[in-house]
Each structure stands twice: as C-alpha cells, then as structure tokens.
Amino acid sequence: MITAIVLYQLPPSIGYEECRAHFVSIAPDFLGVPGFLRKHFIYSVAGGVAGGTYLWESLEAAQRFYKGPWLEGIRARYGVDPQIAYYETFAIADSVSGKAGPVDQFVHSGAAHVAA
C-alpha cells in the first residue's frame, strides 16, 4: 500500500471556507477511482496550503491518477503544480475502530476497512 501526501499553494482568493466547500463537494468523486482507498482532505492551520493524504493499493495506481485530468484540474484551479511524496505504508493504528496492525489487516477485497 502507498500513502501519497499531496500539497499545493492556494491563491489568495481561496481561503478556509472556499477550500472546505470545494473539498466537501468533490469528495464523492474519488470513490470510483481505480486503486483508490482513502483520502483525507487537508488545509494548513496557518492557511495558504491545502492538499490531501491518500491511501492507494499501489504506486502505479497513485501515479496513474496524478497525471492527466487531475493534474490539469489542480493547475487550472490553483495555478501551481502540486508537490507529491510517496510512502510505503506498513501499519495503521485507528482508535475509531480500535484496530492497529499491519496494513493488510485493514484491506479486504480491494477496499480499506479503516473506520472513517
């Protein structure tokens, strides 16, 4: 499993409320993306930076997604290229579900079973 951390600078015209409203409106769009498992939509407490932490089935699925329409959308909306870092995910600790352990125990039939 791959965790991708994606960050980008926001233009001055996009503040907390605008960013939040946009993220809430687009969240359902990720559910059908091949290889996608989970995303946390994030906004810097200092402002000016937003992005997401994603959990992917594979590096290939993540890299495939971050090209093409998604990248063009980021460039069009924010006027910048995102910074993307990829990490191998070994384990998850989730106090909501009360589970902790190897990432494989949170995945069943291609879907993450980590409580939201």
C-alpha atoms as a PDB file:
ATOM      1  CA  MET A   1       0.000   0.000   0.000  1.00  0.00           C
ATOM      2  CA  ILE A   2       1.088   3.511  -0.760  1.00  0.00           C
ATOM      3  CA  THR A   3       0.395   6.712   1.134  1.00  0.00           C
ATOM      4  CA  ALA A   4       0.736   9.824  -1.002  1.00  0.00           C
ATOM      5  CA  ILE A   5       0.976  13.256   0.570  1.00  0.00           C
ATOM      6  CA  VAL A   6      -0.060  15.960  -1.860  1.00  0.00           C
ATOM      7  CA  LEU A   7       0.349  19.674  -1.111  1.00  0.00           C
ATOM      8  CA  TYR A   8      -0.164  22.836  -3.120  1.00  0.00           C
ATOM      9  CA  GLN A   9      -0.131  26.565  -2.506  1.00  0.00           C
ATOM     10  CA  LEU A  10      -3.536  28.230  -2.591  1.00  0.00           C
ATOM     11  CA  PRO A  11      -4.081  31.517  -4.385  1.00  0.00           C
ATOM     12  CA  PRO A  12      -5.118  34.423  -2.112  1.00  0.00           C
ATOM     13  CA  SER A  13      -8.681  34.152  -3.473  1.00  0.00           C
ATOM     14  CA  ILE A  14      -9.153  30.713  -1.852  1.00  0.00           C
ATOM     15  CA  GLY A  15      -9.440  30.794   1.922  1.00  0.00           C
ATOM     16  CA  TYR A  16     -10.604  28.310   4.526  1.00  0.00           C
ATOM     17  CA  GLU A  17     -14.327  28.369   3.702  1.00  0.00           C
ATOM     18  CA  GLU A  18     -13.829  28.252  -0.064  1.00  0.00           C
ATOM     19  CA  CYS A  19     -11.376  25.376   0.256  1.00  0.00           C
ATOM     20  CA  ARG A  20     -13.610  23.451   2.655  1.00  0.00           C
ATOM     21  CA  ALA A  21     -16.692  23.837   0.450  1.00  0.00           C
ATOM     22  CA  HIS A  22     -14.788  22.670  -2.624  1.00  0.00           C
ATOM     23  CA  PHE A  23     -13.293  19.647  -0.852  1.00  0.00           C
ATOM     24  CA  VAL A  24     -16.681  18.570   0.530  1.00  0.00           C
ATOM     25  CA  SER A  25     -18.253  18.894  -2.924  1.00  0.00           C
ATOM     26  CA  ILE A  26     -15.603  16.795  -4.710  1.00  0.00           C
ATOM     27  CA  ALA A  27     -15.098  14.083  -2.062  1.00  0.00           C
ATOM     28  CA  PRO A  28     -17.591  11.635  -3.626  1.00  0.00           C
ATOM     29  CA  ASP A  29     -15.778  11.882  -6.980  1.00  0.00           C
ATOM     30  CA  PHE A  30     -12.868   9.831  -5.626  1.00  0.00           C
ATOM     31  CA  LEU A  31     -14.912   6.744  -4.806  1.00  0.00           C
ATOM     32  CA  GLY A  32     -14.761   5.258  -8.298  1.00  0.00           C
ATOM     33  CA  VAL A  33     -11.054   5.854  -8.951  1.00  0.00           C
ATOM     34  CA  PRO A  34      -9.195   2.583  -9.667  1.00  0.00           C
ATOM     35  CA  GLY A  35      -6.800   1.663  -6.853  1.00  0.00           C
ATOM     36  CA  PHE A  36      -8.037   4.444  -4.548  1.00  0.00           C
ATOM     37  CA  LEU A  37      -8.753   3.517  -0.927  1.00  0.00           C
ATOM     38  CA  ARG A  38      -8.985   6.669   1.186  1.00  0.00           C
ATOM     39  CA  LYS A  39      -8.295  10.405   1.217  1.00  0.00           C
ATOM     40  CA  HIS A  40      -8.035  12.950   3.996  1.00  0.00           C
ATOM     41  CA  PHE A  41      -8.592  16.440   2.580  1.00  0.00           C
ATOM     42  CA  ILE A  42      -6.226  18.796   4.409  1.00  0.00           C
ATOM     43  CA  TYR A  43      -5.802  22.550   4.897  1.00  0.00           C
ATOM     44  CA  SER A  44      -2.867  24.127   6.718  1.00  0.00           C
ATOM     45  CA  VAL A  45      -3.810  25.690  10.052  1.00  0.00           C
ATOM     46  CA  ALA A  46      -1.572  28.591   9.010  1.00  0.00           C
ATOM     47  CA  GLY A  47      -3.565  28.948   5.765  1.00  0.00           C
ATOM     48  CA  GLY A  48      -2.342  29.159   2.198  1.00  0.00           C
ATOM     49  CA  VAL A  49      -1.621  25.446   1.677  1.00  0.00           C
ATOM     50  CA  ALA A  50      -4.001  22.550   1.068  1.00  0.00           C
ATOM     51  CA  GLY A  51      -3.958  19.050  -0.328  1.00  0.00           C
ATOM     52  CA  GLY A  52      -4.563  15.517   0.803  1.00  0.00           C
ATOM     53  CA  THR A  53      -3.188  12.340   2.239  1.00  0.00           C
ATOM     54  CA  TYR A  54      -4.228   9.403   0.101  1.00  0.00           C
ATOM     55  CA  LEU A  55      -4.080   5.664   0.615  1.00  0.00           C
ATOM     56  CA  TRP A  56      -3.610   3.666  -2.611  1.00  0.00           C
ATOM     57  CA  GLU A  57      -3.482  -0.038  -3.438  1.00  0.00           C
ATOM     58  CA  SER A  58      -0.249   0.520  -5.393  1.00  0.00           C
ATOM     59  CA  LEU A  59       2.279   3.099  -6.505  1.00  0.00           C
ATOM     60  CA  GLU A  60       1.171   2.551 -10.100  1.00  0.00           C
ATOM     61  CA  ALA A  61      -2.452   3.415  -9.267  1.00  0.00           C
ATOM     62  CA  ALA A  62      -1.363   6.590  -7.470  1.00  0.00           C
ATOM     63  CA  GLN A  63       0.947   7.747 -10.241  1.00  0.00           C
ATOM     64  CA  ARG A  64      -1.669   6.995 -12.897  1.00  0.00           C
ATOM     65  CA  PHE A  65      -4.214   9.164 -11.052  1.00  0.00           C
ATOM     66  CA  TYR A  66      -1.875  12.129 -10.536  1.00  0.00           C
ATOM     67  CA  LYS A  67      -1.418  12.552 -14.278  1.00  0.00           C
ATOM     68  CA  GLY A  68      -3.907  13.787 -16.831  1.00  0.00           C
ATOM     69  CA  PRO A  69      -7.246  15.288 -15.758  1.00  0.00           C
ATOM     70  CA  TRP A  70      -6.458  15.510 -12.037  1.00  0.00           C
ATOM     71  CA  LEU A  71      -3.192  17.372 -12.637  1.00  0.00           C
ATOM     72  CA  GLU A  72      -4.805  19.685 -15.177  1.00  0.00           C
ATOM     73  CA  GLY A  73      -7.575  20.436 -12.659  1.00  0.00           C
ATOM     74  CA  ILE A  74      -5.048  21.372  -9.956  1.00  0.00           C
ATOM     75  CA  ARG A  75      -3.168  23.629 -12.354  1.00  0.00           C
ATOM     76  CA  ALA A  76      -6.376  25.294 -13.549  1.00  0.00           C
ATOM     77  CA  ARG A  77      -7.852  25.856 -10.071  1.00  0.00           C
ATOM     78  CA  TYR A  78      -4.709  26.783  -8.122  1.00  0.00           C
ATOM     79  CA  GLY A  79      -2.227  27.887 -10.787  1.00  0.00           C
ATOM     80  CA  VAL A  80       0.565  25.622  -9.462  1.00  0.00           C
ATOM     81  CA  ASP A  81       1.924  22.108  -9.755  1.00  0.00           C
ATOM     82  CA  PRO A  82       1.370  20.028  -6.624  1.00  0.00           C
ATOM     83  CA  GLN A  83       4.150  18.570  -4.503  1.00  0.00           C
ATOM     84  CA  ILE A  84       3.656  14.801  -4.254  1.00  0.00           C
ATOM     85  CA  ALA A  85       5.588  12.429  -1.983  1.00  0.00           C
ATOM     86  CA  TYR A  86       5.041   8.667  -1.918  1.00  0.00           C
ATOM     87  CA  TYR A  87       5.491   6.398   1.106  1.00  0.00           C
ATOM     88  CA  GLU A  88       5.178   2.666   1.603  1.00  0.00           C
ATOM     89  CA  THR A  89       2.537   2.077   4.289  1.00  0.00           C
ATOM     90  CA  PHE A  90       3.425  -0.703   6.738  1.00  0.00           C
ATOM     91  CA  ALA A  91       0.842  -0.424   9.510  1.00  0.00           C
ATOM     92  CA  ILE A  92      -2.229   1.506  10.601  1.00  0.00           C
ATOM     93  CA  ALA A  93      -3.407   2.453  14.089  1.00  0.00           C
ATOM     94  CA  ASP A  94      -7.050   3.567  14.200  1.00  0.00           C
ATOM     95  CA  SER A  95      -8.604   4.494  17.518  1.00  0.00           C
ATOM     96  CA  VAL A  96     -12.072   4.868  15.949  1.00  0.00           C
ATOM     97  CA  SER A  97     -12.251   1.181  15.022  1.00  0.00           C
ATOM     98  CA  GLY A  98      -9.973   0.105  17.861  1.00  0.00           C
ATOM     99  CA  LYS A  99      -7.697  -1.679  15.403  1.00  0.00           C
ATOM    100  CA  ALA A 100      -3.955  -1.495  14.933  1.00  0.00           C
ATOM    101  CA  GLY A 101      -1.588  -3.657  12.964  1.00  0.00           C
ATOM    102  CA  PRO A 102      -0.237  -4.477   9.528  1.00  0.00           C
ATOM    103  CA  VAL A 103      -1.937  -2.582   6.732  1.00  0.00           C
ATOM    104  CA  ASP A 104      -3.059  -5.882   5.175  1.00  0.00           C
ATOM    105  CA  GLN A 105      -5.478  -6.478   8.055  1.00  0.00           C
ATOM    106  CA  PHE A 106      -7.339  -3.302   7.078  1.00  0.00           C
ATOM    107  CA  VAL A 107      -7.881  -4.336   3.473  1.00  0.00           C
ATOM    108  CA  HIS A 108     -10.471  -6.800   2.309  1.00  0.00           C
ATOM    109  CA  SER A 109     -11.468  -7.431  -1.317  1.00  0.00           C
ATOM    110  CA  GLY A 110      -9.760  -4.286  -2.570  1.00  0.00           C
ATOM    111  CA  ALA A 111     -11.383  -1.894  -0.100  1.00  0.00           C
ATOM    112  CA  ALA A 112      -9.958  -0.328   3.039  1.00  0.00           C
ATOM    113  CA  HIS A 113     -11.851  -1.198   6.189  1.00  0.00           C
ATOM    114  CA  VAL A 114     -10.496   1.592   8.335  1.00  0.00           C
ATOM    115  CA  ALA A 115     -13.352   3.411  10.053  1.00  0.00           C
ATOM    116  CA  ALA A 116     -13.908   6.936   8.807  1.00  0.00           C
END
